[in-house]
Amino acid sequence: MGRILIVDDDAAFVGALKDKIQALYPLLDVITCTEPLLALTILRQGRVDLLLVDLEMPTLDGSKIFSYALSVGVDKNRIVILSGRDSDYLHEQFPMGTCLAVLNKYEAKQKAVLDMIFSSMQRKAAAS
């Protein structure tokens, strides 16, 4: 329990998030993917405990990756949708219960939610 796949075309954001996770939650394994199509191969291979996916990306948007992840068996409660859009828009696109969370990736309060998720995963990884 502890493999995270981050799919986002913003390399700077992905790098910063990966660095933060590795520094604060060392038991978690972080895989990053800035090319959305490559994420499909990783998802098909399985064993992703948490999927963080950006909603707006070229080539393949986050909603399509979300649908694909569900089709290959990723539990909806292990998927977080990230976006630069406001939370009202995100909740319209992904109503409560559709996935674990929808978050604006630039708002500090929203980042606190990610920290809670990572902290929970770290505790579970330590217990196993």
C-alpha atoms as a PDB file:
ATOM      1  CA  MET A   1       0.000   0.000   0.000  1.00  0.00           C
ATOM      2  CA  GLY A   2       1.819   3.071  -1.124  1.00  0.00           C
ATOM      3  CA  ARG A   3       2.237   3.444  -4.876  1.00  0.00           C
ATOM      4  CA  ILE A   4       1.111   6.811  -6.239  1.00  0.00           C
ATOM      5  CA  LEU A   5       0.799   7.654  -9.932  1.00  0.00           C
ATOM      6  CA  ILE A   6       0.769  11.376 -10.737  1.00  0.00           C
ATOM      7  CA  VAL A   7      -0.387  12.256 -14.266  1.00  0.00           C
ATOM      8  CA  ASP A   8       0.009  15.934 -15.138  1.00  0.00           C
ATOM      9  CA  ASP A   9       1.562  17.682 -18.134  1.00  0.00           C
ATOM     10  CA  ASP A  10       2.999  20.449 -15.901  1.00  0.00           C
ATOM     11  CA  ALA A  11       6.509  19.084 -15.271  1.00  0.00           C
ATOM     12  CA  ALA A  12       7.352  21.729 -12.651  1.00  0.00           C
ATOM     13  CA  PHE A  13       4.226  20.925 -10.619  1.00  0.00           C
ATOM     14  CA  VAL A  14       4.828  17.185 -10.909  1.00  0.00           C
ATOM     15  CA  GLY A  15       8.459  17.539  -9.841  1.00  0.00           C
ATOM     16  CA  ALA A  16       7.614  19.713  -6.851  1.00  0.00           C
ATOM     17  CA  LEU A  17       4.844  17.376  -5.711  1.00  0.00           C
ATOM     18  CA  LYS A  18       7.040  14.297  -6.095  1.00  0.00           C
ATOM     19  CA  ASP A  19       9.854  15.951  -4.123  1.00  0.00           C
ATOM     20  CA  LYS A  20       7.428  16.897  -1.353  1.00  0.00           C
ATOM     21  CA  ILE A  21       5.961  13.395  -1.126  1.00  0.00           C
ATOM     22  CA  GLN A  22       9.395  11.757  -1.068  1.00  0.00           C
ATOM     23  CA  ALA A  23      10.642  14.149   1.632  1.00  0.00           C
ATOM     24  CA  LEU A  24       7.613  13.924   3.931  1.00  0.00           C
ATOM     25  CA  TYR A  25       6.302  10.421   3.208  1.00  0.00           C
ATOM     26  CA  PRO A  26       9.344   8.211   2.510  1.00  0.00           C
ATOM     27  CA  LEU A  27       7.404   4.933   2.505  1.00  0.00           C
ATOM     28  CA  LEU A  28       5.375   5.997  -0.516  1.00  0.00           C
ATOM     29  CA  ASP A  29       6.496   5.105  -4.026  1.00  0.00           C
ATOM     30  CA  VAL A  30       5.831   7.926  -6.506  1.00  0.00           C
ATOM     31  CA  ILE A  31       5.588   7.403 -10.251  1.00  0.00           C
ATOM     32  CA  THR A  32       5.190  10.515 -12.378  1.00  0.00           C
ATOM     33  CA  CYS A  33       3.926  10.818 -15.895  1.00  0.00           C
ATOM     34  CA  THR A  34       3.908  14.097 -17.828  1.00  0.00           C
ATOM     35  CA  GLU A  35       2.737  12.373 -21.024  1.00  0.00           C
ATOM     36  CA  PRO A  36      -0.893  11.319 -20.499  1.00  0.00           C
ATOM     37  CA  LEU A  37      -0.787   8.456 -23.028  1.00  0.00           C
ATOM     38  CA  LEU A  38       2.030   6.751 -21.105  1.00  0.00           C
ATOM     39  CA  ALA A  39      -0.185   6.700 -18.034  1.00  0.00           C
ATOM     40  CA  LEU A  40      -2.488   4.216 -19.755  1.00  0.00           C
ATOM     41  CA  THR A  41       0.295   1.632 -19.915  1.00  0.00           C
ATOM     42  CA  ILE A  42       1.131   2.135 -16.249  1.00  0.00           C
ATOM     43  CA  LEU A  43      -2.524   1.817 -15.263  1.00  0.00           C
ATOM     44  CA  ARG A  44      -2.945  -1.312 -17.373  1.00  0.00           C
ATOM     45  CA  GLN A  45      -0.028  -2.919 -15.522  1.00  0.00           C
ATOM     46  CA  GLY A  46      -1.947  -2.464 -12.279  1.00  0.00           C
ATOM     47  CA  ARG A  47      -0.934  -1.910  -8.696  1.00  0.00           C
ATOM     48  CA  VAL A  48      -1.625   1.791  -8.376  1.00  0.00           C
ATOM     49  CA  ASP A  49      -2.812   2.628  -4.870  1.00  0.00           C
ATOM     50  CA  LEU A  50      -3.578   6.269  -5.633  1.00  0.00           C
ATOM     51  CA  LEU A  51      -4.019   8.059  -8.951  1.00  0.00           C
ATOM     52  CA  LEU A  52      -3.625  11.839  -9.060  1.00  0.00           C
ATOM     53  CA  VAL A  53      -4.665  13.115 -12.470  1.00  0.00           C
ATOM     54  CA  ASP A  54      -4.829  16.615 -13.919  1.00  0.00           C
ATOM     55  CA  LEU A  55      -8.135  17.383 -15.584  1.00  0.00           C
ATOM     56  CA  GLU A  56      -6.833  19.567 -18.425  1.00  0.00           C
ATOM     57  CA  MET A  57      -4.028  18.085 -20.515  1.00  0.00           C
ATOM     58  CA  PRO A  58      -3.282  17.963 -24.227  1.00  0.00           C
ATOM     59  CA  THR A  59      -3.602  14.688 -26.106  1.00  0.00           C
ATOM     60  CA  LEU A  60      -5.703  12.999 -23.438  1.00  0.00           C
ATOM     61  CA  ASP A  61      -7.607  14.856 -20.741  1.00  0.00           C
ATOM     62  CA  GLY A  62      -7.971  13.747 -17.160  1.00  0.00           C
ATOM     63  CA  SER A  63     -11.600  12.663 -17.492  1.00  0.00           C
ATOM     64  CA  LYS A  64     -10.579  10.109 -20.147  1.00  0.00           C
ATOM     65  CA  ILE A  65      -7.745   8.823 -17.962  1.00  0.00           C
ATOM     66  CA  PHE A  66     -10.223   8.643 -15.079  1.00  0.00           C
ATOM     67  CA  SER A  67     -12.607   6.522 -17.181  1.00  0.00           C
ATOM     68  CA  TYR A  68      -9.775   4.285 -18.358  1.00  0.00           C
ATOM     69  CA  ALA A  69      -8.520   3.789 -14.807  1.00  0.00           C
ATOM     70  CA  LEU A  70     -11.984   2.662 -13.732  1.00  0.00           C
ATOM     71  CA  SER A  71     -12.193   0.284 -16.707  1.00  0.00           C
ATOM     72  CA  VAL A  72      -8.938  -1.470 -15.697  1.00  0.00           C
ATOM     73  CA  GLY A  73     -10.024  -1.863 -12.086  1.00  0.00           C
ATOM     74  CA  VAL A  74      -8.745   1.175 -10.212  1.00  0.00           C
ATOM     75  CA  ASP A  75     -11.179   1.858  -7.364  1.00  0.00           C
ATOM     76  CA  LYS A  76     -12.898   5.238  -7.760  1.00  0.00           C
ATOM     77  CA  ASN A  77     -12.000   5.956  -4.126  1.00  0.00           C
ATOM     78  CA  ARG A  78      -8.316   5.846  -5.077  1.00  0.00           C
ATOM     79  CA  ILE A  79      -8.545   8.606  -7.693  1.00  0.00           C
ATOM     80  CA  VAL A  80      -8.018  12.329  -7.106  1.00  0.00           C
ATOM     81  CA  ILE A  81      -8.768  14.812  -9.879  1.00  0.00           C
ATOM     82  CA  LEU A  82      -6.528  17.894  -9.884  1.00  0.00           C
ATOM     83  CA  SER A  83      -7.096  21.130 -11.764  1.00  0.00           C
ATOM     84  CA  GLY A  84      -6.370  24.818 -11.808  1.00  0.00           C
ATOM     85  CA  ARG A  85     -10.123  25.432 -12.000  1.00  0.00           C
ATOM     86  CA  ASP A  86     -12.244  26.426  -9.025  1.00  0.00           C
ATOM     87  CA  SER A  87     -13.823  23.775  -6.853  1.00  0.00           C
ATOM     88  CA  ASP A  88     -17.401  24.582  -7.957  1.00  0.00           C
ATOM     89  CA  TYR A  89     -16.524  23.721 -11.555  1.00  0.00           C
ATOM     90  CA  LEU A  90     -14.738  20.562 -10.460  1.00  0.00           C
ATOM     91  CA  HIS A  91     -17.675  19.382  -8.357  1.00  0.00           C
ATOM     92  CA  GLU A  92     -20.010  19.919 -11.305  1.00  0.00           C
ATOM     93  CA  GLN A  93     -17.803  17.686 -13.476  1.00  0.00           C
ATOM     94  CA  PHE A  94     -17.179  15.091 -10.747  1.00  0.00           C
ATOM     95  CA  PRO A  95     -20.035  15.084  -8.206  1.00  0.00           C
ATOM     96  CA  MET A  96     -19.372  13.841  -4.679  1.00  0.00           C
ATOM     97  CA  GLY A  97     -18.897  10.081  -4.677  1.00  0.00           C
ATOM     98  CA  THR A  98     -17.531   9.953  -8.231  1.00  0.00           C
ATOM     99  CA  CYS A  99     -13.940   9.780  -6.956  1.00  0.00           C
ATOM    100  CA  LEU A 100     -11.976  10.270  -3.738  1.00  0.00           C
ATOM    101  CA  ALA A 101     -11.568  14.033  -4.240  1.00  0.00           C
ATOM    102  CA  VAL A 102     -11.485  16.874  -6.740  1.00  0.00           C
ATOM    103  CA  LEU A 103      -8.968  19.550  -5.840  1.00  0.00           C
ATOM    104  CA  ASN A 104      -7.666  22.849  -7.109  1.00  0.00           C
ATOM    105  CA  LYS A 105      -3.949  22.096  -7.198  1.00  0.00           C
ATOM    106  CA  TYR A 106      -2.907  25.674  -6.392  1.00  0.00           C
ATOM    107  CA  GLU A 107      -5.056  26.417  -3.317  1.00  0.00           C
ATOM    108  CA  ALA A 108      -3.353  25.873   0.045  1.00  0.00           C
ATOM    109  CA  LYS A 109      -6.480  24.444   1.717  1.00  0.00           C
ATOM    110  CA  GLN A 110      -6.837  21.943  -1.096  1.00  0.00           C
ATOM    111  CA  LYS A 111      -3.183  20.900  -0.714  1.00  0.00           C
ATOM    112  CA  ALA A 112      -3.934  20.131   2.942  1.00  0.00           C
ATOM    113  CA  VAL A 113      -6.395  17.486   1.738  1.00  0.00           C
ATOM    114  CA  LEU A 114      -3.620  15.848  -0.281  1.00  0.00           C
ATOM    115  CA  ASP A 115      -1.416  15.853   2.810  1.00  0.00           C
ATOM    116  CA  MET A 116      -4.132  14.027   4.758  1.00  0.00           C
ATOM    117  CA  ILE A 117      -4.364  11.408   2.010  1.00  0.00           C
ATOM    118  CA  PHE A 118      -0.579  10.950   1.853  1.00  0.00           C
ATOM    119  CA  SER A 119      -0.351  10.763   5.644  1.00  0.00           C
ATOM    120  CA  SER A 120      -2.979   8.027   5.733  1.00  0.00           C
ATOM    121  CA  MET A 121      -1.139   6.078   3.044  1.00  0.00           C
ATOM    122  CA  GLN A 122       2.144   6.476   4.947  1.00  0.00           C
ATOM    123  CA  ARG A 123       0.550   5.056   8.128  1.00  0.00           C
ATOM    124  CA  LYS A 124      -0.867   2.085   6.212  1.00  0.00           C
ATOM    125  CA  ALA A 125       2.471   1.437   4.510  1.00  0.00           C
ATOM    126  CA  ALA A 126       4.227   1.493   7.890  1.00  0.00           C
ATOM    127  CA  ALA A 127       1.738  -0.991   9.328  1.00  0.00           C
ATOM    128  CA  SER A 128       2.189  -3.514   6.535  1.00  0.00           C
END
